[in-house]
Amino acid sequence: MSNALTPEIIQERIKKIPEWELNEDSISRSFEFDEYQFAIDFVNTIAEIAEEAQHHPDISINYTNVTLVLTTHSKGGLTESDFEVALRIDSLGD
């Protein structure tokens, strides 16, 4: 697994995922769906991506709202893995 990224590299990476919010040691994004089942289907798709990448986001489900938070707990911050998974999640809309 890669090391935690420097603040300078993080600033470059976050530009590639503009819908994600940069927090102190994580990135997050919320999604809203028309129906509860759509939110659950989305979470199941995220689970497949996470398993394949072996990098799992924290997921909060509040009825039709899903919030994802990515960080690398073992490295105490953001790594390339966080940004790679975020890019894969963003590509779901393509």
PDB file of N, CA and C in Angstrom:
ATOM      1  N   MET A   1       0.838  -1.170   0.000  1.00  0.00           N
ATOM      2  CA  MET A   1       0.000   0.000   0.000  1.00  0.00           C
ATOM      3  C   MET A   1       0.887   1.238   0.000  1.00  0.00           C
ATOM      4  N   SER A   2       0.387   2.265  -0.675  1.00  0.00           N
ATOM      5  CA  SER A   2       1.186   3.477  -0.805  1.00  0.00           C
ATOM      6  C   SER A   2       1.178   4.295   0.486  1.00  0.00           C
ATOM      7  N   ASN A   3       2.109   5.215   0.543  1.00  0.00           N
ATOM      8  CA  ASN A   3       2.234   6.083   1.708  1.00  0.00           C
ATOM      9  C   ASN A   3       1.247   7.233   1.628  1.00  0.00           C
ATOM     10  N   ALA A   4       1.029   7.900   2.741  1.00  0.00           N
ATOM     11  CA  ALA A   4       0.176   9.085   2.770  1.00  0.00           C
ATOM     12  C   ALA A   4       0.761  10.149   1.836  1.00  0.00           C
ATOM     13  N   LEU A   5      -0.129  10.832   1.152  1.00  0.00           N
ATOM     14  CA  LEU A   5       0.292  11.857   0.193  1.00  0.00           C
ATOM     15  C   LEU A   5       0.615  13.167   0.893  1.00  0.00           C
ATOM     16  N   THR A   6       1.474  13.935   0.266  1.00  0.00           N
ATOM     17  CA  THR A   6       1.809  15.259   0.777  1.00  0.00           C
ATOM     18  C   THR A   6       0.651  16.216   0.473  1.00  0.00           C
ATOM     19  N   PRO A   7       0.543  17.315   1.217  1.00  0.00           N
ATOM     20  CA  PRO A   7      -0.524  18.294   0.937  1.00  0.00           C
ATOM     21  C   PRO A   7      -0.498  18.808  -0.504  1.00  0.00           C
ATOM     22  N   GLU A   8       0.680  18.951  -1.064  1.00  0.00           N
ATOM     23  CA  GLU A   8       0.797  19.448  -2.439  1.00  0.00           C
ATOM     24  C   GLU A   8       0.205  18.447  -3.433  1.00  0.00           C
ATOM     25  N   ILE A   9       0.504  17.180  -3.250  1.00  0.00           N
ATOM     26  CA  ILE A   9      -0.033  16.152  -4.149  1.00  0.00           C
ATOM     27  C   ILE A   9      -1.536  16.023  -3.962  1.00  0.00           C
ATOM     28  N   ILE A  10      -2.005  16.111  -2.732  1.00  0.00           N
ATOM     29  CA  ILE A  10      -3.443  16.053  -2.464  1.00  0.00           C
ATOM     30  C   ILE A  10      -4.170  17.169  -3.215  1.00  0.00           C
ATOM     31  N   GLN A  11      -3.607  18.371  -3.204  1.00  0.00           N
ATOM     32  CA  GLN A  11      -4.229  19.493  -3.907  1.00  0.00           C
ATOM     33  C   GLN A  11      -4.316  19.229  -5.408  1.00  0.00           C
ATOM     34  N   GLU A  12      -3.338  18.566  -5.964  1.00  0.00           N
ATOM     35  CA  GLU A  12      -3.378  18.201  -7.384  1.00  0.00           C
ATOM     36  C   GLU A  12      -4.424  17.127  -7.652  1.00  0.00           C
ATOM     37  N   ARG A  13      -4.490  16.122  -6.800  1.00  0.00           N
ATOM     38  CA  ARG A  13      -5.426  15.008  -6.991  1.00  0.00           C
ATOM     39  C   ARG A  13      -6.881  15.445  -6.839  1.00  0.00           C
ATOM     40  N   ILE A  14      -7.147  16.342  -5.901  1.00  0.00           N
ATOM     41  CA  ILE A  14      -8.529  16.753  -5.652  1.00  0.00           C
ATOM     42  C   ILE A  14      -9.100  17.513  -6.850  1.00  0.00           C
ATOM     43  N   LYS A  15      -8.267  18.127  -7.643  1.00  0.00           N
ATOM     44  CA  LYS A  15      -8.727  18.830  -8.846  1.00  0.00           C
ATOM     45  C   LYS A  15      -9.358  17.869  -9.846  1.00  0.00           C
ATOM     46  N   LYS A  16      -8.958  16.611  -9.820  1.00  0.00           N
ATOM     47  CA  LYS A  16      -9.482  15.611 -10.761  1.00  0.00           C
ATOM     48  C   LYS A  16     -10.834  15.046 -10.319  1.00  0.00           C
ATOM     49  N   ILE A  17     -11.237  15.333  -9.089  1.00  0.00           N
ATOM     50  CA  ILE A  17     -12.520  14.846  -8.561  1.00  0.00           C
ATOM     51  C   ILE A  17     -13.251  16.015  -7.897  1.00  0.00           C
ATOM     52  N   PRO A  18     -13.690  16.989  -8.690  1.00  0.00           N
ATOM     53  CA  PRO A  18     -14.220  18.241  -8.132  1.00  0.00           C
ATOM     54  C   PRO A  18     -15.487  18.100  -7.292  1.00  0.00           C
ATOM     55  N   GLU A  19     -16.214  17.008  -7.420  1.00  0.00           N
ATOM     56  CA  GLU A  19     -17.434  16.848  -6.626  1.00  0.00           C
ATOM     57  C   GLU A  19     -17.153  16.290  -5.230  1.00  0.00           C
ATOM     58  N   TRP A  20     -15.915  15.941  -4.973  1.00  0.00           N
ATOM     59  CA  TRP A  20     -15.523  15.432  -3.657  1.00  0.00           C
ATOM     60  C   TRP A  20     -15.041  16.592  -2.806  1.00  0.00           C
ATOM     61  N   GLU A  21     -15.316  16.498  -1.510  1.00  0.00           N
ATOM     62  CA  GLU A  21     -14.880  17.520  -0.561  1.00  0.00           C
ATOM     63  C   GLU A  21     -13.630  17.032   0.163  1.00  0.00           C
ATOM     64  N   LEU A  22     -12.649  17.899   0.222  1.00  0.00           N
ATOM     65  CA  LEU A  22     -11.421  17.590   0.946  1.00  0.00           C
ATOM     66  C   LEU A  22     -11.611  17.959   2.403  1.00  0.00           C
ATOM     67  N   ASN A  23     -11.443  16.980   3.270  1.00  0.00           N
ATOM     68  CA  ASN A  23     -11.516  17.184   4.713  1.00  0.00           C
ATOM     69  C   ASN A  23     -10.088  17.103   5.252  1.00  0.00           C
ATOM     70  N   GLU A  24      -9.932  17.129   6.540  1.00  0.00           N
ATOM     71  CA  GLU A  24      -8.585  17.144   7.131  1.00  0.00           C
ATOM     72  C   GLU A  24      -7.737  15.962   6.664  1.00  0.00           C
ATOM     73  N   ASP A  25      -8.252  14.744   6.781  1.00  0.00           N
ATOM     74  CA  ASP A  25      -7.480  13.564   6.375  1.00  0.00           C
ATOM     75  C   ASP A  25      -8.323  12.585   5.567  1.00  0.00           C
ATOM     76  N   SER A  26      -9.347  13.125   4.870  1.00  0.00           N
ATOM     77  CA  SER A  26     -10.231  12.278   4.075  1.00  0.00           C
ATOM     78  C   SER A  26     -10.852  13.096   2.950  1.00  0.00           C
ATOM     79  N   ILE A  27     -11.524  12.389   2.053  1.00  0.00           N
ATOM     80  CA  ILE A  27     -12.346  13.025   1.035  1.00  0.00           C
ATOM     81  C   ILE A  27     -13.742  12.430   1.160  1.00  0.00           C
ATOM     82  N   SER A  28     -14.747  13.231   0.852  1.00  0.00           N
ATOM     83  CA  SER A  28     -16.117  12.743   0.983  1.00  0.00           C
ATOM     84  C   SER A  28     -16.982  13.278  -0.150  1.00  0.00           C
ATOM     85  N   ARG A  29     -18.052  12.522  -0.399  1.00  0.00           N
ATOM     86  CA  ARG A  29     -19.022  12.935  -1.407  1.00  0.00           C
ATOM     87  C   ARG A  29     -20.373  12.350  -1.030  1.00  0.00           C
ATOM     88  N   SER A  30     -21.416  13.141  -1.235  1.00  0.00           N
ATOM     89  CA  SER A  30     -22.779  12.683  -0.975  1.00  0.00           C
ATOM     90  C   SER A  30     -23.536  12.535  -2.284  1.00  0.00           C
ATOM     91  N   PHE A  31     -24.417  11.568  -2.298  1.00  0.00           N
ATOM     92  CA  PHE A  31     -25.248  11.262  -3.450  1.00  0.00           C
ATOM     93  C   PHE A  31     -26.696  11.204  -2.992  1.00  0.00           C
ATOM     94  N   GLU A  32     -27.603  11.723  -3.807  1.00  0.00           N
ATOM     95  CA  GLU A  32     -29.022  11.666  -3.473  1.00  0.00           C
ATOM     96  C   GLU A  32     -29.757  10.928  -4.584  1.00  0.00           C
ATOM     97  N   PHE A  33     -30.671  10.055  -4.179  1.00  0.00           N
ATOM     98  CA  PHE A  33     -31.420   9.234  -5.111  1.00  0.00           C
ATOM     99  C   PHE A  33     -32.911   9.471  -4.931  1.00  0.00           C
ATOM    100  N   ASP A  34     -33.673   9.133  -5.969  1.00  0.00           N
ATOM    101  CA  ASP A  34     -35.120   9.335  -5.921  1.00  0.00           C
ATOM    102  C   ASP A  34     -35.824   8.338  -5.013  1.00  0.00           C
ATOM    103  N   GLU A  35     -35.243   7.155  -4.891  1.00  0.00           N
ATOM    104  CA  GLU A  35     -35.872   6.110  -4.096  1.00  0.00           C
ATOM    105  C   GLU A  35     -34.829   5.391  -3.248  1.00  0.00           C
ATOM    106  N   TYR A  36     -35.287   4.853  -2.132  1.00  0.00           N
ATOM    107  CA  TYR A  36     -34.419   4.120  -1.215  1.00  0.00           C
ATOM    108  C   TYR A  36     -33.702   2.970  -1.930  1.00  0.00           C
ATOM    109  N   GLN A  37     -34.443   2.201  -2.746  1.00  0.00           N
ATOM    110  CA  GLN A  37     -33.839   1.047  -3.409  1.00  0.00           C
ATOM    111  C   GLN A  37     -32.707   1.463  -4.349  1.00  0.00           C
ATOM    112  N   PHE A  38     -32.832   2.626  -4.984  1.00  0.00           N
ATOM    113  CA  PHE A  38     -31.759   3.123  -5.846  1.00  0.00           C
ATOM    114  C   PHE A  38     -30.501   3.393  -5.019  1.00  0.00           C
ATOM    115  N   ALA A  39     -30.687   3.936  -3.826  1.00  0.00           N
ATOM    116  CA  ALA A  39     -29.546   4.196  -2.935  1.00  0.00           C
ATOM    117  C   ALA A  39     -28.870   2.887  -2.542  1.00  0.00           C
ATOM    118  N   ILE A  40     -29.669   1.874  -2.231  1.00  0.00           N
ATOM    119  CA  ILE A  40     -29.112   0.581  -1.836  1.00  0.00           C
ATOM    120  C   ILE A  40     -28.403  -0.077  -3.011  1.00  0.00           C
ATOM    121  N   ASP A  41     -28.972   0.016  -4.198  1.00  0.00           N
ATOM    122  CA  ASP A  41     -28.310  -0.539  -5.389  1.00  0.00           C
ATOM    123  C   ASP A  41     -26.960   0.141  -5.612  1.00  0.00           C
ATOM    124  N   PHE A  42     -26.920   1.454  -5.416  1.00  0.00           N
ATOM    125  CA  PHE A  42     -25.672   2.208  -5.551  1.00  0.00           C
ATOM    126  C   PHE A  42     -24.641   1.722  -4.540  1.00  0.00           C
ATOM    127  N   VAL A  43     -25.060   1.543  -3.297  1.00  0.00           N
ATOM    128  CA  VAL A  43     -24.145   1.062  -2.260  1.00  0.00           C
ATOM    129  C   VAL A  43     -23.608  -0.318  -2.621  1.00  0.00           C
ATOM    130  N   ASN A  44     -24.434  -1.172  -3.159  1.00  0.00           N
ATOM    131  CA  ASN A  44     -23.969  -2.504  -3.577  1.00  0.00           C
ATOM    132  C   ASN A  44     -22.933  -2.403  -4.691  1.00  0.00           C
ATOM    133  N   THR A  45     -23.116  -1.461  -5.601  1.00  0.00           N
ATOM    134  CA  THR A  45     -22.123  -1.244  -6.664  1.00  0.00           C
ATOM    135  C   THR A  45     -20.814  -0.727  -6.070  1.00  0.00           C
ATOM    136  N   ILE A  46     -20.912   0.179  -5.101  1.00  0.00           N
ATOM    137  CA  ILE A  46     -19.721   0.700  -4.421  1.00  0.00           C
ATOM    138  C   ILE A  46     -18.992  -0.436  -3.710  1.00  0.00           C
ATOM    139  N   ALA A  47     -19.740  -1.346  -3.118  1.00  0.00           N
ATOM    140  CA  ALA A  47     -19.131  -2.485  -2.426  1.00  0.00           C
ATOM    141  C   ALA A  47     -18.321  -3.339  -3.391  1.00  0.00           C
ATOM    142  N   GLU A  48     -18.818  -3.523  -4.598  1.00  0.00           N
ATOM    143  CA  GLU A  48     -18.074  -4.293  -5.607  1.00  0.00           C
ATOM    144  C   GLU A  48     -16.772  -3.591  -5.977  1.00  0.00           C
ATOM    145  N   ILE A  49     -16.845  -2.289  -6.187  1.00  0.00           N
ATOM    146  CA  ILE A  49     -15.640  -1.507  -6.503  1.00  0.00           C
ATOM    147  C   ILE A  49     -14.641  -1.599  -5.351  1.00  0.00           C
ATOM    148  N   ALA A  50     -15.127  -1.449  -4.139  1.00  0.00           N
ATOM    149  CA  ALA A  50     -14.257  -1.476  -2.958  1.00  0.00           C
ATOM    150  C   ALA A  50     -13.583  -2.833  -2.800  1.00  0.00           C
ATOM    151  N   GLU A  51     -14.336  -3.893  -2.990  1.00  0.00           N
ATOM    152  CA  GLU A  51     -13.763  -5.236  -2.868  1.00  0.00           C
ATOM    153  C   GLU A  51     -12.691  -5.470  -3.924  1.00  0.00           C
ATOM    154  N   GLU A  52     -12.977  -5.054  -5.142  1.00  0.00           N
ATOM    155  CA  GLU A  52     -12.006  -5.229  -6.224  1.00  0.00           C
ATOM    156  C   GLU A  52     -10.731  -4.444  -5.945  1.00  0.00           C
ATOM    157  N   ALA A  53     -10.891  -3.231  -5.421  1.00  0.00           N
ATOM    158  CA  ALA A  53      -9.735  -2.369  -5.136  1.00  0.00           C
ATOM    159  C   ALA A  53      -9.077  -2.704  -3.803  1.00  0.00           C
ATOM    160  N   GLN A  54      -9.764  -3.508  -2.977  1.00  0.00           N
ATOM    161  CA  GLN A  54      -9.304  -3.782  -1.607  1.00  0.00           C
ATOM    162  C   GLN A  54      -9.080  -2.493  -0.832  1.00  0.00           C
ATOM    163  N   HIS A  55     -10.021  -1.559  -1.048  1.00  0.00           N
ATOM    164  CA  HIS A  55      -9.977  -0.263  -0.366  1.00  0.00           C
ATOM    165  C   HIS A  55     -11.423   0.164  -0.153  1.00  0.00           C
ATOM    166  N   HIS A  56     -11.842   0.260   1.098  1.00  0.00           N
ATOM    167  CA  HIS A  56     -13.255   0.375   1.429  1.00  0.00           C
ATOM    168  C   HIS A  56     -13.600   1.727   2.045  1.00  0.00           C
ATOM    169  N   PRO A  57     -14.585   2.415   1.456  1.00  0.00           N
ATOM    170  CA  PRO A  57     -15.006   3.692   2.032  1.00  0.00           C
ATOM    171  C   PRO A  57     -15.892   3.477   3.253  1.00  0.00           C
ATOM    172  N   ASP A  58     -15.976   4.492   4.081  1.00  0.00           N
ATOM    173  CA  ASP A  58     -17.003   4.530   5.109  1.00  0.00           C
ATOM    174  C   ASP A  58     -18.275   4.964   4.387  1.00  0.00           C
ATOM    175  N   ILE A  59     -19.364   4.258   4.616  1.00  0.00           N
ATOM    176  CA  ILE A  59     -20.615   4.522   3.914  1.00  0.00           C
ATOM    177  C   ILE A  59     -21.708   4.823   4.932  1.00  0.00           C
ATOM    178  N   SER A  60     -22.390   5.951   4.726  1.00  0.00           N
ATOM    179  CA  SER A  60     -23.548   6.305   5.549  1.00  0.00           C
ATOM    180  C   SER A  60     -24.765   6.367   4.636  1.00  0.00           C
ATOM    181  N   ILE A  61     -25.823   5.688   5.059  1.00  0.00           N
ATOM    182  CA  ILE A  61     -27.065   5.696   4.295  1.00  0.00           C
ATOM    183  C   ILE A  61     -28.139   6.345   5.156  1.00  0.00           C
ATOM    184  N   ASN A  62     -28.751   7.370   4.626  1.00  0.00           N
ATOM    185  CA  ASN A  62     -29.854   8.042   5.300  1.00  0.00           C
ATOM    186  C   ASN A  62     -30.999   8.126   4.305  1.00  0.00           C
ATOM    187  N   TYR A  63     -31.796   7.076   4.277  1.00  0.00           N
ATOM    188  CA  TYR A  63     -32.925   6.913   3.368  1.00  0.00           C
ATOM    189  C   TYR A  63     -32.457   6.996   1.916  1.00  0.00           C
ATOM    190  N   THR A  64     -32.620   8.125   1.229  1.00  0.00           N
ATOM    191  CA  THR A  64     -32.203   8.222  -0.169  1.00  0.00           C
ATOM    192  C   THR A  64     -30.876   8.952  -0.342  1.00  0.00           C
ATOM    193  N   ASN A  65     -30.202   9.248   0.762  1.00  0.00           N
ATOM    194  CA  ASN A  65     -28.908   9.930   0.706  1.00  0.00           C
ATOM    195  C   ASN A  65     -27.794   8.976   1.124  1.00  0.00           C
ATOM    196  N   VAL A  66     -26.739   8.954   0.321  1.00  0.00           N
ATOM    197  CA  VAL A  66     -25.578   8.112   0.602  1.00  0.00           C
ATOM    198  C   VAL A  66     -24.359   9.019   0.657  1.00  0.00           C
ATOM    199  N   THR A  67     -23.600   8.911   1.736  1.00  0.00           N
ATOM    200  CA  THR A  67     -22.358   9.667   1.873  1.00  0.00           C
ATOM    201  C   THR A  67     -21.199   8.688   1.975  1.00  0.00           C
ATOM    202  N   LEU A  68     -20.189   8.947   1.172  1.00  0.00           N
ATOM    203  CA  LEU A  68     -18.980   8.126   1.153  1.00  0.00           C
ATOM    204  C   LEU A  68     -17.816   8.950   1.691  1.00  0.00           C
ATOM    205  N   VAL A  69     -16.993   8.320   2.505  1.00  0.00           N
ATOM    206  CA  VAL A  69     -15.781   8.959   3.021  1.00  0.00           C
ATOM    207  C   VAL A  69     -14.619   8.012   2.760  1.00  0.00           C
ATOM    208  N   LEU A  70     -13.597   8.525   2.113  1.00  0.00           N
ATOM    209  CA  LEU A  70     -12.401   7.749   1.818  1.00  0.00           C
ATOM    210  C   LEU A  70     -11.203   8.309   2.566  1.00  0.00           C
ATOM    211  N   THR A  71     -10.467   7.424   3.189  1.00  0.00           N
ATOM    212  CA  THR A  71      -9.194   7.729   3.825  1.00  0.00           C
ATOM    213  C   THR A  71      -8.472   6.407   3.987  1.00  0.00           C
ATOM    214  N   THR A  72      -7.191   6.462   4.216  1.00  0.00           N
ATOM    215  CA  THR A  72      -6.435   5.239   4.471  1.00  0.00           C
ATOM    216  C   THR A  72      -6.059   5.249   5.938  1.00  0.00           C
ATOM    217  N   HIS A  73      -6.893   4.602   6.738  1.00  0.00           N
ATOM    218  CA  HIS A  73      -6.714   4.619   8.189  1.00  0.00           C
ATOM    219  C   HIS A  73      -5.320   4.153   8.602  1.00  0.00           C
ATOM    220  N   SER A  74      -4.815   3.130   7.931  1.00  0.00           N
ATOM    221  CA  SER A  74      -3.521   2.564   8.319  1.00  0.00           C
ATOM    222  C   SER A  74      -2.362   3.522   8.048  1.00  0.00           C
ATOM    223  N   LYS A  75      -2.593   4.508   7.175  1.00  0.00           N
ATOM    224  CA  LYS A  75      -1.540   5.487   6.868  1.00  0.00           C
ATOM    225  C   LYS A  75      -1.824   6.846   7.498  1.00  0.00           C
ATOM    226  N   GLY A  76      -2.959   6.962   8.162  1.00  0.00           N
ATOM    227  CA  GLY A  76      -3.291   8.204   8.844  1.00  0.00           C
ATOM    228  C   GLY A  76      -3.604   9.360   7.923  1.00  0.00           C
ATOM    229  N   GLY A  77      -4.067   9.070   6.729  1.00  0.00           N
ATOM    230  CA  GLY A  77      -4.398  10.139   5.793  1.00  0.00           C
ATOM    231  C   GLY A  77      -4.743   9.601   4.426  1.00  0.00           C
ATOM    232  N   LEU A  78      -4.612  10.463   3.447  1.00  0.00           N
ATOM    233  CA  LEU A  78      -4.979  10.124   2.075  1.00  0.00           C
ATOM    234  C   LEU A  78      -3.813   9.504   1.321  1.00  0.00           C
ATOM    235  N   THR A  79      -4.136   8.486   0.523  1.00  0.00           N
ATOM    236  CA  THR A  79      -3.152   7.834  -0.340  1.00  0.00           C
ATOM    237  C   THR A  79      -3.703   7.801  -1.760  1.00  0.00           C
ATOM    238  N   GLU A  80      -2.888   7.334  -2.678  1.00  0.00           N
ATOM    239  CA  GLU A  80      -3.328   7.180  -4.058  1.00  0.00           C
ATOM    240  C   GLU A  80      -4.575   6.303  -4.139  1.00  0.00           C
ATOM    241  N   SER A  81      -4.677   5.308  -3.275  1.00  0.00           N
ATOM    242  CA  SER A  81      -5.833   4.409  -3.288  1.00  0.00           C
ATOM    243  C   SER A  81      -7.143   5.158  -3.093  1.00  0.00           C
ATOM    244  N   ASP A  82      -7.147   6.141  -2.239  1.00  0.00           N
ATOM    245  CA  ASP A  82      -8.363   6.918  -2.005  1.00  0.00           C
ATOM    246  C   ASP A  82      -8.812   7.630  -3.276  1.00  0.00           C
ATOM    247  N   PHE A  83      -7.878   8.234  -3.956  1.00  0.00           N
ATOM    248  CA  PHE A  83      -8.216   8.972  -5.170  1.00  0.00           C
ATOM    249  C   PHE A  83      -8.570   8.036  -6.320  1.00  0.00           C
ATOM    250  N   GLU A  84      -7.927   6.889  -6.396  1.00  0.00           N
ATOM    251  CA  GLU A  84      -8.266   5.902  -7.425  1.00  0.00           C
ATOM    252  C   GLU A  84      -9.686   5.389  -7.252  1.00  0.00           C
ATOM    253  N   VAL A  85     -10.077   5.083  -6.023  1.00  0.00           N
ATOM    254  CA  VAL A  85     -11.439   4.614  -5.768  1.00  0.00           C
ATOM    255  C   VAL A  85     -12.439   5.738  -6.055  1.00  0.00           C
ATOM    256  N   ALA A  86     -12.132   6.962  -5.664  1.00  0.00           N
ATOM    257  CA  ALA A  86     -13.024   8.093  -5.941  1.00  0.00           C
ATOM    258  C   ALA A  86     -13.235   8.261  -7.447  1.00  0.00           C
ATOM    259  N   LEU A  87     -12.175   8.139  -8.221  1.00  0.00           N
ATOM    260  CA  LEU A  87     -12.301   8.243  -9.677  1.00  0.00           C
ATOM    261  C   LEU A  87     -13.173   7.126 -10.236  1.00  0.00           C
ATOM    262  N   ARG A  88     -13.037   5.922  -9.718  1.00  0.00           N
ATOM    263  CA  ARG A  88     -13.866   4.800 -10.167  1.00  0.00           C
ATOM    264  C   ARG A  88     -15.330   5.038  -9.816  1.00  0.00           C
ATOM    265  N   ILE A  89     -15.576   5.575  -8.653  1.00  0.00           N
ATOM    266  CA  ILE A  89     -16.956   5.888  -8.260  1.00  0.00           C
ATOM    267  C   ILE A  89     -17.527   6.954  -9.177  1.00  0.00           C
ATOM    268  N   ASP A  90     -16.750   7.989  -9.447  1.00  0.00           N
ATOM    269  CA  ASP A  90     -17.215   9.049 -10.347  1.00  0.00           C
ATOM    270  C   ASP A  90     -17.508   8.529 -11.739  1.00  0.00           C
ATOM    271  N   SER A  91     -16.777   7.521 -12.176  1.00  0.00           N
ATOM    272  CA  SER A  91     -16.990   6.988 -13.529  1.00  0.00           C
ATOM    273  C   SER A  91     -18.318   6.238 -13.658  1.00  0.00           C
ATOM    274  N   LEU A  92     -18.986   5.939 -12.549  1.00  0.00           N
ATOM    275  CA  LEU A  92     -20.284   5.259 -12.603  1.00  0.00           C
ATOM    276  C   LEU A  92     -21.310   6.105 -13.336  1.00  0.00           C
ATOM    277  N   GLY A  93     -21.152   7.416 -13.288  1.00  0.00           N
ATOM    278  CA  GLY A  93     -22.099   8.299 -13.957  1.00  0.00           C
ATOM    279  C   GLY A  93     -21.864   8.430 -15.449  1.00  0.00           C
ATOM    280  N   ASP A  94     -20.744   7.906 -15.921  1.00  0.00           N
ATOM    281  CA  ASP A  94     -20.429   8.027 -17.360  1.00  0.00           C
ATOM    282  C   ASP A  94     -21.228   7.060 -18.198  1.00  0.00           C
TER     283      ASP A  94
END
